[in-house]
Every structure is written in structure tokens, then in C-alpha cells.
């Protein structure tokens, strides 16, 4: 398996850091190669995705300060790498 690209979007930096810690711990325990990206706004996440970047797994806060994670969900879904099986 290649690198699993994990995105974390939350306006709380402590929450982002904790999710990243848990994800990296899980990856280490299961011998997975992980690459994490974090954003504190939905707009930053959308910009990242619209620049042609893709992610495999997204942790998305529903209650962001300026945008709703529910509004960003459809945009992020079009950029997720979906299984082909």
C-alpha cells in the first residue's frame, strides 16, 4: 500500500493536533504510511482540494466558524480517493 493521505479540518488547533496524534499512532501500530494535512478553515480545505490535491480520509468538523462542514462535504467528496473494489 502507498501513502494514505489524511486530512483534518477543525477550527480548534488542539482538536486538530489530537486527531493527528491518534491517526499517527494508529498508523504506526498498523504499519501504515500516513501523510497528514490540517486546515483551520473550510475555505482553506476547499482551496487545497481545488488546487488539484486529493485525500484518502477526511476528518471534517461540522461546526466551523465561517463555514459549515455540511456545506463543504460535497466539495470534499469529489476529491476523495474512493476504493475501486
C-alpha atoms as a PDB file:
ATOM      1  CA  UNK A   1       0.000   0.000   0.000  1.00  0.00           C
ATOM      2  CA  UNK A   2       1.184   3.520  -0.738  1.00  0.00           C
ATOM      3  CA  UNK A   3       0.837   6.562   1.455  1.00  0.00           C
ATOM      4  CA  UNK A   4      -2.577   7.179   3.000  1.00  0.00           C
ATOM      5  CA  UNK A   5      -3.365  10.905   2.730  1.00  0.00           C
ATOM      6  CA  UNK A   6      -5.344  12.061   5.774  1.00  0.00           C
ATOM      7  CA  UNK A   7      -6.958  15.484   6.048  1.00  0.00           C
ATOM      8  CA  UNK A   8      -8.086  17.127   9.284  1.00  0.00           C
ATOM      9  CA  UNK A   9     -10.223  20.266   9.207  1.00  0.00           C
ATOM     10  CA  UNK A  10     -11.243  21.843  12.506  1.00  0.00           C
ATOM     11  CA  UNK A  11     -11.147  25.417  13.808  1.00  0.00           C
ATOM     12  CA  UNK A  12      -9.734  24.150  17.105  1.00  0.00           C
ATOM     13  CA  UNK A  13      -5.979  23.687  16.839  1.00  0.00           C
ATOM     14  CA  UNK A  14      -5.882  21.430  19.905  1.00  0.00           C
ATOM     15  CA  UNK A  15      -8.506  19.168  18.338  1.00  0.00           C
ATOM     16  CA  UNK A  16      -6.560  19.015  15.058  1.00  0.00           C
ATOM     17  CA  UNK A  17      -3.394  18.103  16.925  1.00  0.00           C
ATOM     18  CA  UNK A  18      -5.151  15.408  18.963  1.00  0.00           C
ATOM     19  CA  UNK A  19      -6.738  13.819  15.889  1.00  0.00           C
ATOM     20  CA  UNK A  20      -3.377  13.898  14.123  1.00  0.00           C
ATOM     21  CA  UNK A  21      -1.708  12.245  17.125  1.00  0.00           C
ATOM     22  CA  UNK A  22      -4.324   9.481  17.199  1.00  0.00           C
ATOM     23  CA  UNK A  23      -4.103   8.916  13.436  1.00  0.00           C
ATOM     24  CA  UNK A  24      -0.302   8.721  13.504  1.00  0.00           C
ATOM     25  CA  UNK A  25      -0.393   6.356  16.487  1.00  0.00           C
ATOM     26  CA  UNK A  26      -2.854   4.127  14.622  1.00  0.00           C
ATOM     27  CA  UNK A  27      -0.658   4.214  11.517  1.00  0.00           C
ATOM     28  CA  UNK A  28       2.414   3.242  13.484  1.00  0.00           C
ATOM     29  CA  UNK A  29       0.586   0.402  15.234  1.00  0.00           C
ATOM     30  CA  UNK A  30      -0.705  -0.996  11.931  1.00  0.00           C
ATOM     31  CA  UNK A  31       2.447  -0.291   9.889  1.00  0.00           C
ATOM     32  CA  UNK A  32       0.731   2.255   7.616  1.00  0.00           C
ATOM     33  CA  UNK A  33       2.446   5.096   5.836  1.00  0.00           C
ATOM     34  CA  UNK A  34       0.461   8.249   6.542  1.00  0.00           C
ATOM     35  CA  UNK A  35       0.698  11.811   5.343  1.00  0.00           C
ATOM     36  CA  UNK A  36      -1.454  14.317   7.263  1.00  0.00           C
ATOM     37  CA  UNK A  37      -2.639  17.791   6.318  1.00  0.00           C
ATOM     38  CA  UNK A  38      -4.510  20.137   8.655  1.00  0.00           C
ATOM     39  CA  UNK A  39      -6.685  23.169   7.989  1.00  0.00           C
ATOM     40  CA  UNK A  40      -8.379  25.519  10.443  1.00  0.00           C
ATOM     41  CA  UNK A  41     -10.981  26.807   7.966  1.00  0.00           C
ATOM     42  CA  UNK A  42     -13.238  25.186   5.446  1.00  0.00           C
ATOM     43  CA  UNK A  43     -12.132  27.683   2.826  1.00  0.00           C
ATOM     44  CA  UNK A  44      -8.502  26.575   3.208  1.00  0.00           C
ATOM     45  CA  UNK A  45      -9.546  22.947   2.736  1.00  0.00           C
ATOM     46  CA  UNK A  46     -11.581  23.792  -0.368  1.00  0.00           C
ATOM     47  CA  UNK A  47      -8.648  25.791  -1.807  1.00  0.00           C
ATOM     48  CA  UNK A  48      -6.330  22.827  -1.206  1.00  0.00           C
ATOM     49  CA  UNK A  49      -8.711  20.460  -2.978  1.00  0.00           C
ATOM     50  CA  UNK A  50      -9.452  22.816  -5.854  1.00  0.00           C
ATOM     51  CA  UNK A  51      -5.696  23.148  -6.441  1.00  0.00           C
ATOM     52  CA  UNK A  52      -5.804  19.513  -7.557  1.00  0.00           C
ATOM     53  CA  UNK A  53      -4.811  17.834  -4.308  1.00  0.00           C
ATOM     54  CA  UNK A  54      -6.630  14.709  -3.178  1.00  0.00           C
ATOM     55  CA  UNK A  55      -7.058  12.989   0.158  1.00  0.00           C
ATOM     56  CA  UNK A  56      -7.999   9.461   1.147  1.00  0.00           C
ATOM     57  CA  UNK A  57      -9.572  10.111   4.547  1.00  0.00           C
ATOM     58  CA  UNK A  58     -11.066  13.337   5.905  1.00  0.00           C
ATOM     59  CA  UNK A  59     -11.901  14.318   9.475  1.00  0.00           C
ATOM     60  CA  UNK A  60     -14.204  17.320   8.996  1.00  0.00           C
ATOM     61  CA  UNK A  61     -15.663  19.451  11.787  1.00  0.00           C
ATOM     62  CA  UNK A  62     -19.321  20.156  11.134  1.00  0.00           C
ATOM     63  CA  UNK A  63     -19.425  23.433  13.098  1.00  0.00           C
ATOM     64  CA  UNK A  64     -16.656  25.630  11.661  1.00  0.00           C
ATOM     65  CA  UNK A  65     -16.512  29.376  12.390  1.00  0.00           C
ATOM     66  CA  UNK A  66     -17.137  30.763   8.895  1.00  0.00           C
ATOM     67  CA  UNK A  67     -18.451  27.728   7.026  1.00  0.00           C
ATOM     68  CA  UNK A  68     -20.373  24.607   7.803  1.00  0.00           C
ATOM     69  CA  UNK A  69     -18.705  21.255   7.354  1.00  0.00           C
ATOM     70  CA  UNK A  70     -22.018  20.133   5.890  1.00  0.00           C
ATOM     71  CA  UNK A  71     -21.592  22.722   3.106  1.00  0.00           C
ATOM     72  CA  UNK A  72     -18.001  21.643   2.471  1.00  0.00           C
ATOM     73  CA  UNK A  73     -18.831  17.933   2.483  1.00  0.00           C
ATOM     74  CA  UNK A  74     -19.988  17.710  -1.156  1.00  0.00           C
ATOM     75  CA  UNK A  75     -16.912  19.605  -2.375  1.00  0.00           C
ATOM     76  CA  UNK A  76     -14.541  17.387  -0.401  1.00  0.00           C
ATOM     77  CA  UNK A  77     -16.345  14.221  -1.518  1.00  0.00           C
ATOM     78  CA  UNK A  78     -15.476  14.900  -5.168  1.00  0.00           C
ATOM     79  CA  UNK A  79     -11.771  14.969  -4.232  1.00  0.00           C
ATOM     80  CA  UNK A  80     -11.632  11.844  -2.062  1.00  0.00           C
ATOM     81  CA  UNK A  81      -9.867   8.787  -3.410  1.00  0.00           C
ATOM     82  CA  UNK A  82     -12.552   6.126  -3.439  1.00  0.00           C
ATOM     83  CA  UNK A  83     -11.836   2.386  -3.326  1.00  0.00           C
ATOM     84  CA  UNK A  84     -12.078   0.604  -6.666  1.00  0.00           C
ATOM     85  CA  UNK A  85     -13.067  -2.833  -5.294  1.00  0.00           C
END
